[in-house]
Amino acid sequence: MELARNVFVFVHLVGFGALFGGALVQLGDDEKVVNSAMLRGALAQVVSGIALVGILEGLSEPVDRLKTAVKFAVALLVAVLCWANRARPRLPGGLFNAVIAMTLVDVGVAVFW
């Protein structure tokens, strides 16, 4: 069970890297889009996060439900925004910046809470 936990933590971190990295590479571009790295990273974070909570419950480790709910809500919102706008030829700057900001908020909750 510990191996499964470590695998999903790894997938969760790779998902963050794909989401954040996919956004960062576009910072200098005039037209920003939801690229495949952002979409797949956001989905990987939601799915691996759900799996991690299930594994922690199975291991009888304490789970902070409020922190989990906040992280899930933010990650789900990012994933939905990426999914809903994946086919747009151009994202408004505010939406793109919101996706980056919410991604950083999600990481901040994980690290500092």
PDB file of N, CA and C in Angstrom:
ATOM      1  N   MET A   1       0.820  -1.186   0.000  1.00  0.00           N
ATOM      2  CA  MET A   1       0.000   0.000   0.000  1.00  0.00           C
ATOM      3  C   MET A   1       0.872   1.261   0.000  1.00  0.00           C
ATOM      4  N   GLU A   2       2.021   1.156   0.651  1.00  0.00           N
ATOM      5  CA  GLU A   2       2.946   2.291   0.690  1.00  0.00           C
ATOM      6  C   GLU A   2       3.494   2.588  -0.702  1.00  0.00           C
ATOM      7  N   LEU A   3       3.727   1.543  -1.498  1.00  0.00           N
ATOM      8  CA  LEU A   3       4.195   1.737  -2.865  1.00  0.00           C
ATOM      9  C   LEU A   3       3.138   2.481  -3.682  1.00  0.00           C
ATOM     10  N   ALA A   4       1.887   2.096  -3.537  1.00  0.00           N
ATOM     11  CA  ALA A   4       0.799   2.764  -4.254  1.00  0.00           C
ATOM     12  C   ALA A   4       0.734   4.241  -3.857  1.00  0.00           C
ATOM     13  N   ARG A   5       0.886   4.513  -2.575  1.00  0.00           N
ATOM     14  CA  ARG A   5       0.881   5.893  -2.090  1.00  0.00           C
ATOM     15  C   ARG A   5       1.998   6.693  -2.758  1.00  0.00           C
ATOM     16  N   ASN A   6       3.190   6.128  -2.787  1.00  0.00           N
ATOM     17  CA  ASN A   6       4.326   6.819  -3.393  1.00  0.00           C
ATOM     18  C   ASN A   6       4.142   7.028  -4.892  1.00  0.00           C
ATOM     19  N   VAL A   7       3.564   6.056  -5.563  1.00  0.00           N
ATOM     20  CA  VAL A   7       3.305   6.183  -7.000  1.00  0.00           C
ATOM     21  C   VAL A   7       2.331   7.329  -7.258  1.00  0.00           C
ATOM     22  N   PHE A   8       1.268   7.421  -6.461  1.00  0.00           N
ATOM     23  CA  PHE A   8       0.290   8.478  -6.677  1.00  0.00           C
ATOM     24  C   PHE A   8       0.815   9.848  -6.258  1.00  0.00           C
ATOM     25  N   VAL A   9       1.687   9.909  -5.265  1.00  0.00           N
ATOM     26  CA  VAL A   9       2.344  11.184  -4.935  1.00  0.00           C
ATOM     27  C   VAL A   9       3.211  11.610  -6.116  1.00  0.00           C
ATOM     28  N   PHE A  10       3.914  10.676  -6.701  1.00  0.00           N
ATOM     29  CA  PHE A  10       4.744  10.958  -7.871  1.00  0.00           C
ATOM     30  C   PHE A  10       3.895  11.474  -9.025  1.00  0.00           C
ATOM     31  N   VAL A  11       2.797  10.790  -9.317  1.00  0.00           N
ATOM     32  CA  VAL A  11       1.899  11.208 -10.404  1.00  0.00           C
ATOM     33  C   VAL A  11       1.323  12.591 -10.110  1.00  0.00           C
ATOM     34  N   HIS A  12       0.980  12.835  -8.850  1.00  0.00           N
ATOM     35  CA  HIS A  12       0.429  14.125  -8.450  1.00  0.00           C
ATOM     36  C   HIS A  12       1.451  15.251  -8.711  1.00  0.00           C
ATOM     37  N   LEU A  13       2.702  15.014  -8.352  1.00  0.00           N
ATOM     38  CA  LEU A  13       3.746  16.012  -8.575  1.00  0.00           C
ATOM     39  C   LEU A  13       4.060  16.201 -10.061  1.00  0.00           C
ATOM     40  N   VAL A  14       4.048  15.130 -10.818  1.00  0.00           N
ATOM     41  CA  VAL A  14       4.261  15.234 -12.266  1.00  0.00           C
ATOM     42  C   VAL A  14       3.096  16.014 -12.898  1.00  0.00           C
ATOM     43  N   GLY A  15       1.879  15.770 -12.410  1.00  0.00           N
ATOM     44  CA  GLY A  15       0.726  16.523 -12.900  1.00  0.00           C
ATOM     45  C   GLY A  15       0.877  18.009 -12.654  1.00  0.00           C
ATOM     46  N   PHE A  16       1.351  18.378 -11.452  1.00  0.00           N
ATOM     47  CA  PHE A  16       1.599  19.790 -11.167  1.00  0.00           C
ATOM     48  C   PHE A  16       2.649  20.344 -12.122  1.00  0.00           C
ATOM     49  N   GLY A  17       3.715  19.593 -12.315  1.00  0.00           N
ATOM     50  CA  GLY A  17       4.779  20.059 -13.204  1.00  0.00           C
ATOM     51  C   GLY A  17       4.278  20.278 -14.624  1.00  0.00           C
ATOM     52  N   ALA A  18       3.442  19.375 -15.109  1.00  0.00           N
ATOM     53  CA  ALA A  18       2.902  19.514 -16.461  1.00  0.00           C
ATOM     54  C   ALA A  18       1.969  20.722 -16.557  1.00  0.00           C
ATOM     55  N   LEU A  19       1.102  20.870 -15.579  1.00  0.00           N
ATOM     56  CA  LEU A  19       0.157  21.988 -15.579  1.00  0.00           C
ATOM     57  C   LEU A  19       0.890  23.324 -15.490  1.00  0.00           C
ATOM     58  N   PHE A  20       1.752  23.458 -14.521  1.00  0.00           N
ATOM     59  CA  PHE A  20       2.456  24.718 -14.307  1.00  0.00           C
ATOM     60  C   PHE A  20       3.463  24.978 -15.425  1.00  0.00           C
ATOM     61  N   GLY A  21       4.193  23.963 -15.813  1.00  0.00           N
ATOM     62  CA  GLY A  21       5.164  24.118 -16.899  1.00  0.00           C
ATOM     63  C   GLY A  21       4.502  24.444 -18.218  1.00  0.00           C
ATOM     64  N   GLY A  22       3.358  23.798 -18.480  1.00  0.00           N
ATOM     65  CA  GLY A  22       2.617  24.093 -19.709  1.00  0.00           C
ATOM     66  C   GLY A  22       2.144  25.523 -19.763  1.00  0.00           C
ATOM     67  N   ALA A  23       1.847  26.089 -18.613  1.00  0.00           N
ATOM     68  CA  ALA A  23       1.444  27.499 -18.560  1.00  0.00           C
ATOM     69  C   ALA A  23       2.662  28.415 -18.657  1.00  0.00           C
ATOM     70  N   LEU A  24       3.729  28.064 -17.954  1.00  0.00           N
ATOM     71  CA  LEU A  24       4.909  28.937 -17.936  1.00  0.00           C
ATOM     72  C   LEU A  24       5.547  29.118 -19.311  1.00  0.00           C
ATOM     73  N   VAL A  25       5.532  28.084 -20.123  1.00  0.00           N
ATOM     74  CA  VAL A  25       6.164  28.204 -21.438  1.00  0.00           C
ATOM     75  C   VAL A  25       5.434  29.206 -22.329  1.00  0.00           C
ATOM     76  N   GLN A  26       4.220  29.565 -21.949  1.00  0.00           N
ATOM     77  CA  GLN A  26       3.450  30.495 -22.762  1.00  0.00           C
ATOM     78  C   GLN A  26       3.507  31.938 -22.268  1.00  0.00           C
ATOM     79  N   LEU A  27       4.197  32.193 -21.193  1.00  0.00           N
ATOM     80  CA  LEU A  27       4.179  33.537 -20.616  1.00  0.00           C
ATOM     81  C   LEU A  27       4.618  34.616 -21.603  1.00  0.00           C
ATOM     82  N   GLY A  28       5.535  34.329 -22.464  1.00  0.00           N
ATOM     83  CA  GLY A  28       6.003  35.315 -23.433  1.00  0.00           C
ATOM     84  C   GLY A  28       5.164  35.390 -24.697  1.00  0.00           C
ATOM     85  N   ASP A  29       4.244  34.458 -24.893  1.00  0.00           N
ATOM     86  CA  ASP A  29       3.424  34.428 -26.095  1.00  0.00           C
ATOM     87  C   ASP A  29       2.308  35.467 -26.017  1.00  0.00           C
ATOM     88  N   ASP A  30       1.931  35.975 -27.177  1.00  0.00           N
ATOM     89  CA  ASP A  30       0.816  36.926 -27.227  1.00  0.00           C
ATOM     90  C   ASP A  30      -0.521  36.219 -27.048  1.00  0.00           C
ATOM     91  N   GLU A  31      -0.651  35.068 -27.668  1.00  0.00           N
ATOM     92  CA  GLU A  31      -1.900  34.309 -27.577  1.00  0.00           C
ATOM     93  C   GLU A  31      -1.671  33.067 -26.736  1.00  0.00           C
ATOM     94  N   LYS A  32      -2.410  32.989 -25.641  1.00  0.00           N
ATOM     95  CA  LYS A  32      -2.272  31.868 -24.716  1.00  0.00           C
ATOM     96  C   LYS A  32      -3.419  30.891 -24.924  1.00  0.00           C
ATOM     97  N   VAL A  33      -3.102  29.606 -24.802  1.00  0.00           N
ATOM     98  CA  VAL A  33      -4.089  28.541 -24.991  1.00  0.00           C
ATOM     99  C   VAL A  33      -3.937  27.521 -23.865  1.00  0.00           C
ATOM    100  N   VAL A  34      -4.923  26.638 -23.770  1.00  0.00           N
ATOM    101  CA  VAL A  34      -4.778  25.485 -22.885  1.00  0.00           C
ATOM    102  C   VAL A  34      -4.094  24.409 -23.724  1.00  0.00           C
ATOM    103  N   ASN A  35      -2.822  24.178 -23.448  1.00  0.00           N
ATOM    104  CA  ASN A  35      -2.111  23.155 -24.211  1.00  0.00           C
ATOM    105  C   ASN A  35      -2.339  21.774 -23.579  1.00  0.00           C
ATOM    106  N   SER A  36      -1.885  20.754 -24.256  1.00  0.00           N
ATOM    107  CA  SER A  36      -2.145  19.398 -23.780  1.00  0.00           C
ATOM    108  C   SER A  36      -1.474  19.108 -22.441  1.00  0.00           C
ATOM    109  N   ALA A  37      -0.310  19.725 -22.196  1.00  0.00           N
ATOM    110  CA  ALA A  37       0.365  19.517 -20.907  1.00  0.00           C
ATOM    111  C   ALA A  37      -0.482  20.077 -19.768  1.00  0.00           C
ATOM    112  N   MET A  38      -1.063  21.244 -19.965  1.00  0.00           N
ATOM    113  CA  MET A  38      -1.911  21.838 -18.934  1.00  0.00           C
ATOM    114  C   MET A  38      -3.135  20.972 -18.668  1.00  0.00           C
ATOM    115  N   LEU A  39      -3.792  20.539 -19.732  1.00  0.00           N
ATOM    116  CA  LEU A  39      -5.004  19.735 -19.582  1.00  0.00           C
ATOM    117  C   LEU A  39      -4.706  18.407 -18.899  1.00  0.00           C
ATOM    118  N   ARG A  40      -3.711  17.708 -19.391  1.00  0.00           N
ATOM    119  CA  ARG A  40      -3.375  16.405 -18.799  1.00  0.00           C
ATOM    120  C   ARG A  40      -2.841  16.535 -17.383  1.00  0.00           C
ATOM    121  N   GLY A  41      -2.073  17.592 -17.121  1.00  0.00           N
ATOM    122  CA  GLY A  41      -1.570  17.825 -15.770  1.00  0.00           C
ATOM    123  C   GLY A  41      -2.692  18.099 -14.792  1.00  0.00           C
ATOM    124  N   ALA A  42      -3.666  18.915 -15.194  1.00  0.00           N
ATOM    125  CA  ALA A  42      -4.805  19.226 -14.318  1.00  0.00           C
ATOM    126  C   ALA A  42      -5.617  17.968 -14.025  1.00  0.00           C
ATOM    127  N   LEU A  43      -5.868  17.173 -15.051  1.00  0.00           N
ATOM    128  CA  LEU A  43      -6.632  15.936 -14.848  1.00  0.00           C
ATOM    129  C   LEU A  43      -5.854  14.939 -13.988  1.00  0.00           C
ATOM    130  N   ALA A  44      -4.544  14.856 -14.194  1.00  0.00           N
ATOM    131  CA  ALA A  44      -3.716  13.945 -13.389  1.00  0.00           C
ATOM    132  C   ALA A  44      -3.741  14.359 -11.926  1.00  0.00           C
ATOM    133  N   GLN A  45      -3.743  15.658 -11.666  1.00  0.00           N
ATOM    134  CA  GLN A  45      -3.772  16.116 -10.282  1.00  0.00           C
ATOM    135  C   GLN A  45      -5.080  15.741  -9.595  1.00  0.00           C
ATOM    136  N   VAL A  46      -6.196  15.918 -10.287  1.00  0.00           N
ATOM    137  CA  VAL A  46      -7.490  15.590  -9.677  1.00  0.00           C
ATOM    138  C   VAL A  46      -7.589  14.089  -9.413  1.00  0.00           C
ATOM    139  N   VAL A  47      -7.272  13.286 -10.414  1.00  0.00           N
ATOM    140  CA  VAL A  47      -7.405  11.832 -10.275  1.00  0.00           C
ATOM    141  C   VAL A  47      -6.437  11.282  -9.233  1.00  0.00           C
ATOM    142  N   SER A  48      -5.184  11.717  -9.282  1.00  0.00           N
ATOM    143  CA  SER A  48      -4.213  11.199  -8.312  1.00  0.00           C
ATOM    144  C   SER A  48      -4.517  11.705  -6.907  1.00  0.00           C
ATOM    145  N   GLY A  49      -5.053  12.903  -6.782  1.00  0.00           N
ATOM    146  CA  GLY A  49      -5.436  13.418  -5.470  1.00  0.00           C
ATOM    147  C   GLY A  49      -6.549  12.598  -4.839  1.00  0.00           C
ATOM    148  N   ILE A  50      -7.538  12.247  -5.639  1.00  0.00           N
ATOM    149  CA  ILE A  50      -8.624  11.398  -5.143  1.00  0.00           C
ATOM    150  C   ILE A  50      -8.073  10.040  -4.714  1.00  0.00           C
ATOM    151  N   ALA A  51      -7.195   9.486  -5.543  1.00  0.00           N
ATOM    152  CA  ALA A  51      -6.605   8.187  -5.209  1.00  0.00           C
ATOM    153  C   ALA A  51      -5.781   8.265  -3.927  1.00  0.00           C
ATOM    154  N   LEU A  52      -5.042   9.344  -3.762  1.00  0.00           N
ATOM    155  CA  LEU A  52      -4.227   9.506  -2.552  1.00  0.00           C
ATOM    156  C   LEU A  52      -5.077   9.551  -1.293  1.00  0.00           C
ATOM    157  N   VAL A  53      -6.180  10.265  -1.342  1.00  0.00           N
ATOM    158  CA  VAL A  53      -7.057  10.320  -0.174  1.00  0.00           C
ATOM    159  C   VAL A  53      -7.593   8.929   0.140  1.00  0.00           C
ATOM    160  N   GLY A  54      -7.987   8.193  -0.886  1.00  0.00           N
ATOM    161  CA  GLY A  54      -8.469   6.829  -0.665  1.00  0.00           C
ATOM    162  C   GLY A  54      -7.404   5.927  -0.070  1.00  0.00           C
ATOM    163  N   ILE A  55      -6.182   6.059  -0.546  1.00  0.00           N
ATOM    164  CA  ILE A  55      -5.085   5.247  -0.019  1.00  0.00           C
ATOM    165  C   ILE A  55      -4.790   5.614   1.432  1.00  0.00           C
ATOM    166  N   LEU A  56      -4.756   6.910   1.728  1.00  0.00           N
ATOM    167  CA  LEU A  56      -4.507   7.334   3.108  1.00  0.00           C
ATOM    168  C   LEU A  56      -5.604   6.841   4.040  1.00  0.00           C
ATOM    169  N   GLU A  57      -6.842   6.881   3.594  1.00  0.00           N
ATOM    170  CA  GLU A  57      -7.940   6.337   4.403  1.00  0.00           C
ATOM    171  C   GLU A  57      -7.745   4.841   4.623  1.00  0.00           C
ATOM    172  N   GLY A  58      -7.314   4.145   3.568  1.00  0.00           N
ATOM    173  CA  GLY A  58      -7.076   2.711   3.676  1.00  0.00           C
ATOM    174  C   GLY A  58      -5.946   2.364   4.619  1.00  0.00           C
ATOM    175  N   LEU A  59      -4.971   3.263   4.717  1.00  0.00           N
ATOM    176  CA  LEU A  59      -3.844   3.054   5.626  1.00  0.00           C
ATOM    177  C   LEU A  59      -4.153   3.547   7.032  1.00  0.00           C
ATOM    178  N   SER A  60      -5.340   4.055   7.232  1.00  0.00           N
ATOM    179  CA  SER A  60      -5.777   4.622   8.520  1.00  0.00           C
ATOM    180  C   SER A  60      -4.894   5.782   8.968  1.00  0.00           C
ATOM    181  N   GLU A  61      -4.347   6.511   8.001  1.00  0.00           N
ATOM    182  CA  GLU A  61      -3.571   7.704   8.316  1.00  0.00           C
ATOM    183  C   GLU A  61      -4.534   8.882   8.438  1.00  0.00           C
ATOM    184  N   PRO A  62      -4.199   9.848   9.279  1.00  0.00           N
ATOM    185  CA  PRO A  62      -5.109  10.993   9.441  1.00  0.00           C
ATOM    186  C   PRO A  62      -5.191  11.821   8.159  1.00  0.00           C
ATOM    187  N   VAL A  63      -6.402  12.233   7.814  1.00  0.00           N
ATOM    188  CA  VAL A  63      -6.634  13.056   6.639  1.00  0.00           C
ATOM    189  C   VAL A  63      -7.357  14.322   7.098  1.00  0.00           C
ATOM    190  N   ASP A  64      -6.772  15.466   6.824  1.00  0.00           N
ATOM    191  CA  ASP A  64      -7.404  16.742   7.141  1.00  0.00           C
ATOM    192  C   ASP A  64      -8.479  16.983   6.081  1.00  0.00           C
ATOM    193  N   ARG A  65      -9.720  16.769   6.453  1.00  0.00           N
ATOM    194  CA  ARG A  65     -10.813  16.836   5.479  1.00  0.00           C
ATOM    195  C   ARG A  65     -11.046  18.235   4.930  1.00  0.00           C
ATOM    196  N   LEU A  66     -10.847  19.263   5.746  1.00  0.00           N
ATOM    197  CA  LEU A  66     -11.025  20.622   5.255  1.00  0.00           C
ATOM    198  C   LEU A  66      -9.948  20.971   4.224  1.00  0.00           C
ATOM    199  N   LYS A  67      -8.710  20.629   4.524  1.00  0.00           N
ATOM    200  CA  LYS A  67      -7.619  20.868   3.586  1.00  0.00           C
ATOM    201  C   LYS A  67      -7.858  20.097   2.290  1.00  0.00           C
ATOM    202  N   THR A  68      -8.285  18.848   2.416  1.00  0.00           N
ATOM    203  CA  THR A  68      -8.568  18.025   1.251  1.00  0.00           C
ATOM    204  C   THR A  68      -9.686  18.631   0.415  1.00  0.00           C
ATOM    205  N   ALA A  69     -10.722  19.126   1.069  1.00  0.00           N
ATOM    206  CA  ALA A  69     -11.846  19.725   0.351  1.00  0.00           C
ATOM    207  C   ALA A  69     -11.414  20.988  -0.391  1.00  0.00           C
ATOM    208  N   VAL A  70     -10.593  21.814   0.256  1.00  0.00           N
ATOM    209  CA  VAL A  70     -10.121  23.036  -0.392  1.00  0.00           C
ATOM    210  C   VAL A  70      -9.247  22.688  -1.593  1.00  0.00           C
ATOM    211  N   LYS A  71      -8.307  21.768  -1.400  1.00  0.00           N
ATOM    212  CA  LYS A  71      -7.435  21.362  -2.504  1.00  0.00           C
ATOM    213  C   LYS A  71      -8.235  20.756  -3.648  1.00  0.00           C
ATOM    214  N   PHE A  72      -9.210  19.921  -3.317  1.00  0.00           N
ATOM    215  CA  PHE A  72     -10.024  19.298  -4.358  1.00  0.00           C
ATOM    216  C   PHE A  72     -10.828  20.348  -5.120  1.00  0.00           C
ATOM    217  N   ALA A  73     -11.421  21.290  -4.409  1.00  0.00           N
ATOM    218  CA  ALA A  73     -12.228  22.322  -5.061  1.00  0.00           C
ATOM    219  C   ALA A  73     -11.383  23.157  -6.017  1.00  0.00           C
ATOM    220  N   VAL A  74     -10.209  23.563  -5.574  1.00  0.00           N
ATOM    221  CA  VAL A  74      -9.343  24.384  -6.423  1.00  0.00           C
ATOM    222  C   VAL A  74      -8.843  23.570  -7.617  1.00  0.00           C
ATOM    223  N   ALA A  75      -8.399  22.347  -7.376  1.00  0.00           N
ATOM    224  CA  ALA A  75      -7.891  21.505  -8.467  1.00  0.00           C
ATOM    225  C   ALA A  75      -8.995  21.174  -9.465  1.00  0.00           C
ATOM    226  N   LEU A  76     -10.193  20.915  -8.965  1.00  0.00           N
ATOM    227  CA  LEU A  76     -11.308  20.615  -9.859  1.00  0.00           C
ATOM    228  C   LEU A  76     -11.673  21.835 -10.695  1.00  0.00           C
ATOM    229  N   LEU A  77     -11.661  23.006 -10.091  1.00  0.00           N
ATOM    230  CA  LEU A  77     -11.947  24.229 -10.841  1.00  0.00           C
ATOM    231  C   LEU A  77     -10.912  24.454 -11.937  1.00  0.00           C
ATOM    232  N   VAL A  78      -9.649  24.246 -11.631  1.00  0.00           N
ATOM    233  CA  VAL A  78      -8.594  24.381 -12.644  1.00  0.00           C
ATOM    234  C   VAL A  78      -8.816  23.366 -13.768  1.00  0.00           C
ATOM    235  N   ALA A  79      -9.114  22.128 -13.411  1.00  0.00           N
ATOM    236  CA  ALA A  79      -9.330  21.088 -14.425  1.00  0.00           C
ATOM    237  C   ALA A  79     -10.535  21.413 -15.298  1.00  0.00           C
ATOM    238  N   VAL A  80     -11.617  21.886 -14.687  1.00  0.00           N
ATOM    239  CA  VAL A  80     -12.816  22.228 -15.460  1.00  0.00           C
ATOM    240  C   VAL A  80     -12.533  23.405 -16.393  1.00  0.00           C
ATOM    241  N   LEU A  81     -11.828  24.415 -15.902  1.00  0.00           N
ATOM    242  CA  LEU A  81     -11.477  25.549 -16.759  1.00  0.00           C
ATOM    243  C   LEU A  81     -10.597  25.117 -17.929  1.00  0.00           C
ATOM    244  N   CYS A  82      -9.642  24.243 -17.655  1.00  0.00           N
ATOM    245  CA  CYS A  82      -8.785  23.743 -18.735  1.00  0.00           C
ATOM    246  C   CYS A  82      -9.592  22.915 -19.728  1.00  0.00           C
ATOM    247  N   TRP A  83     -10.451  22.052 -19.221  1.00  0.00           N
ATOM    248  CA  TRP A  83     -11.251  21.189 -20.099  1.00  0.00           C
ATOM    249  C   TRP A  83     -12.209  22.016 -20.951  1.00  0.00           C
ATOM    250  N   ALA A  84     -12.899  22.973 -20.325  1.00  0.00           N
ATOM    251  CA  ALA A  84     -13.904  23.763 -21.035  1.00  0.00           C
ATOM    252  C   ALA A  84     -13.287  24.684 -22.079  1.00  0.00           C
ATOM    253  N   ASN A  85     -12.036  25.054 -21.899  1.00  0.00           N
ATOM    254  CA  ASN A  85     -11.401  25.998 -22.814  1.00  0.00           C
ATOM    255  C   ASN A  85     -10.313  25.373 -23.674  1.00  0.00           C
ATOM    256  N   ARG A  86     -10.250  24.061 -23.706  1.00  0.00           N
ATOM    257  CA  ARG A  86      -9.165  23.377 -24.410  1.00  0.00           C
ATOM    258  C   ARG A  86      -9.195  23.607 -25.917  1.00  0.00           C
ATOM    259  N   ALA A  87     -10.368  23.847 -26.494  1.00  0.00           N
ATOM    260  CA  ALA A  87     -10.474  24.003 -27.947  1.00  0.00           C
ATOM    261  C   ALA A  87     -10.472  25.466 -28.390  1.00  0.00           C
ATOM    262  N   ARG A  88     -10.448  26.375 -27.441  1.00  0.00           N
ATOM    263  CA  ARG A  88     -10.438  27.798 -27.805  1.00  0.00           C
ATOM    264  C   ARG A  88      -9.114  28.154 -28.474  1.00  0.00           C
ATOM    265  N   PRO A  89      -9.188  28.932 -29.527  1.00  0.00           N
ATOM    266  CA  PRO A  89      -7.936  29.328 -30.191  1.00  0.00           C
ATOM    267  C   PRO A  89      -7.116  30.320 -29.383  1.00  0.00           C
ATOM    268  N   ARG A  90      -7.767  30.970 -28.407  1.00  0.00           N
ATOM    269  CA  ARG A  90      -7.066  31.972 -27.594  1.00  0.00           C
ATOM    270  C   ARG A  90      -7.805  32.141 -26.278  1.00  0.00           C
ATOM    271  N   LEU A  91      -7.051  32.187 -25.184  1.00  0.00           N
ATOM    272  CA  LEU A  91      -7.652  32.417 -23.868  1.00  0.00           C
ATOM    273  C   LEU A  91      -7.541  33.890 -23.501  1.00  0.00           C
ATOM    274  N   PRO A  92      -8.566  34.427 -22.855  1.00  0.00           N
ATOM    275  CA  PRO A  92      -8.406  35.781 -22.312  1.00  0.00           C
ATOM    276  C   PRO A  92      -7.288  35.776 -21.267  1.00  0.00           C
ATOM    277  N   GLY A  93      -6.556  36.873 -21.194  1.00  0.00           N
ATOM    278  CA  GLY A  93      -5.429  36.955 -20.261  1.00  0.00           C
ATOM    279  C   GLY A  93      -5.834  36.713 -18.819  1.00  0.00           C
ATOM    280  N   GLY A  94      -6.992  37.218 -18.433  1.00  0.00           N
ATOM    281  CA  GLY A  94      -7.451  37.037 -17.058  1.00  0.00           C
ATOM    282  C   GLY A  94      -7.702  35.580 -16.717  1.00  0.00           C
ATOM    283  N   LEU A  95      -8.264  34.841 -17.648  1.00  0.00           N
ATOM    284  CA  LEU A  95      -8.527  33.420 -17.417  1.00  0.00           C
ATOM    285  C   LEU A  95      -7.227  32.640 -17.319  1.00  0.00           C
ATOM    286  N   PHE A  96      -6.311  32.935 -18.188  1.00  0.00           N
ATOM    287  CA  PHE A  96      -5.014  32.269 -18.156  1.00  0.00           C
ATOM    288  C   PHE A  96      -4.297  32.559 -16.835  1.00  0.00           C
ATOM    289  N   ASN A  97      -4.296  33.814 -16.426  1.00  0.00           N
ATOM    290  CA  ASN A  97      -3.659  34.185 -15.166  1.00  0.00           C
ATOM    291  C   ASN A  97      -4.370  33.549 -13.972  1.00  0.00           C
ATOM    292  N   ALA A  98      -5.685  33.410 -14.053  1.00  0.00           N
ATOM    293  CA  ALA A  98      -6.440  32.770 -12.971  1.00  0.00           C
ATOM    294  C   ALA A  98      -6.050  31.301 -12.836  1.00  0.00           C
ATOM    295  N   VAL A  99      -5.855  30.619 -13.953  1.00  0.00           N
ATOM    296  CA  VAL A  99      -5.441  29.210 -13.906  1.00  0.00           C
ATOM    297  C   VAL A  99      -4.074  29.094 -13.236  1.00  0.00           C
ATOM    298  N   ILE A 100      -3.153  29.968 -13.587  1.00  0.00           N
ATOM    299  CA  ILE A 100      -1.832  29.944 -12.956  1.00  0.00           C
ATOM    300  C   ILE A 100      -1.942  30.244 -11.462  1.00  0.00           C
ATOM    301  N   ALA A 101      -2.715  31.265 -11.122  1.00  0.00           N
ATOM    302  CA  ALA A 101      -2.860  31.656  -9.712  1.00  0.00           C
ATOM    303  C   ALA A 101      -3.498  30.534  -8.891  1.00  0.00           C
ATOM    304  N   MET A 102      -4.547  29.908  -9.424  1.00  0.00           N
ATOM    305  CA  MET A 102      -5.198  28.827  -8.684  1.00  0.00           C
ATOM    306  C   MET A 102      -4.289  27.610  -8.548  1.00  0.00           C
ATOM    307  N   THR A 103      -3.462  27.370  -9.541  1.00  0.00           N
ATOM    308  CA  THR A 103      -2.498  26.280  -9.443  1.00  0.00           C
ATOM    309  C   THR A 103      -1.522  26.546  -8.303  1.00  0.00           C
ATOM    310  N   LEU A 104      -1.055  27.784  -8.203  1.00  0.00           N
ATOM    311  CA  LEU A 104      -0.139  28.136  -7.123  1.00  0.00           C
ATOM    312  C   LEU A 104      -0.838  28.123  -5.763  1.00  0.00           C
ATOM    313  N   VAL A 105      -2.092  28.524  -5.715  1.00  0.00           N
ATOM    314  CA  VAL A 105      -2.851  28.457  -4.458  1.00  0.00           C
ATOM    315  C   VAL A 105      -2.974  27.014  -3.998  1.00  0.00           C
ATOM    316  N   ASP A 106      -3.240  26.105  -4.939  1.00  0.00           N
ATOM    317  CA  ASP A 106      -3.368  24.688  -4.607  1.00  0.00           C
ATOM    318  C   ASP A 106      -2.072  24.146  -4.013  1.00  0.00           C
ATOM    319  N   VAL A 107      -0.949  24.522  -4.593  1.00  0.00           N
ATOM    320  CA  VAL A 107       0.342  24.093  -4.065  1.00  0.00           C
ATOM    321  C   VAL A 107       0.602  24.742  -2.700  1.00  0.00           C
ATOM    322  N   GLY A 108       0.233  26.006  -2.596  1.00  0.00           N
ATOM    323  CA  GLY A 108       0.404  26.694  -1.322  1.00  0.00           C
ATOM    324  C   GLY A 108      -0.382  26.043  -0.197  1.00  0.00           C
ATOM    325  N   VAL A 109      -1.606  25.625  -0.492  1.00  0.00           N
ATOM    326  CA  VAL A 109      -2.420  24.919   0.506  1.00  0.00           C
ATOM    327  C   VAL A 109      -1.717  23.618   0.900  1.00  0.00           C
ATOM    328  N   ALA A 110      -1.192  22.903  -0.081  1.00  0.00           N
ATOM    329  CA  ALA A 110      -0.520  21.634   0.208  1.00  0.00           C
ATOM    330  C   ALA A 110       0.711  21.826   1.075  1.00  0.00           C
ATOM    331  N   VAL A 111       1.466  22.862   0.815  1.00  0.00           N
ATOM    332  CA  VAL A 111       2.744  23.047   1.518  1.00  0.00           C
ATOM    333  C   VAL A 111       2.587  23.742   2.857  1.00  0.00           C
ATOM    334  N   PHE A 112       1.783  24.784   2.899  1.00  0.00           N
ATOM    335  CA  PHE A 112       1.756  25.637   4.079  1.00  0.00           C
ATOM    336  C   PHE A 112       0.621  25.349   5.062  1.00  0.00           C
ATOM    337  N   TRP A 113      -0.362  24.562   4.676  1.00  0.00           N
ATOM    338  CA  TRP A 113      -1.489  24.292   5.573  1.00  0.00           C
ATOM    339  C   TRP A 113      -1.136  23.140   6.477  1.00  0.00           C
TER     340      TRP A 113
END
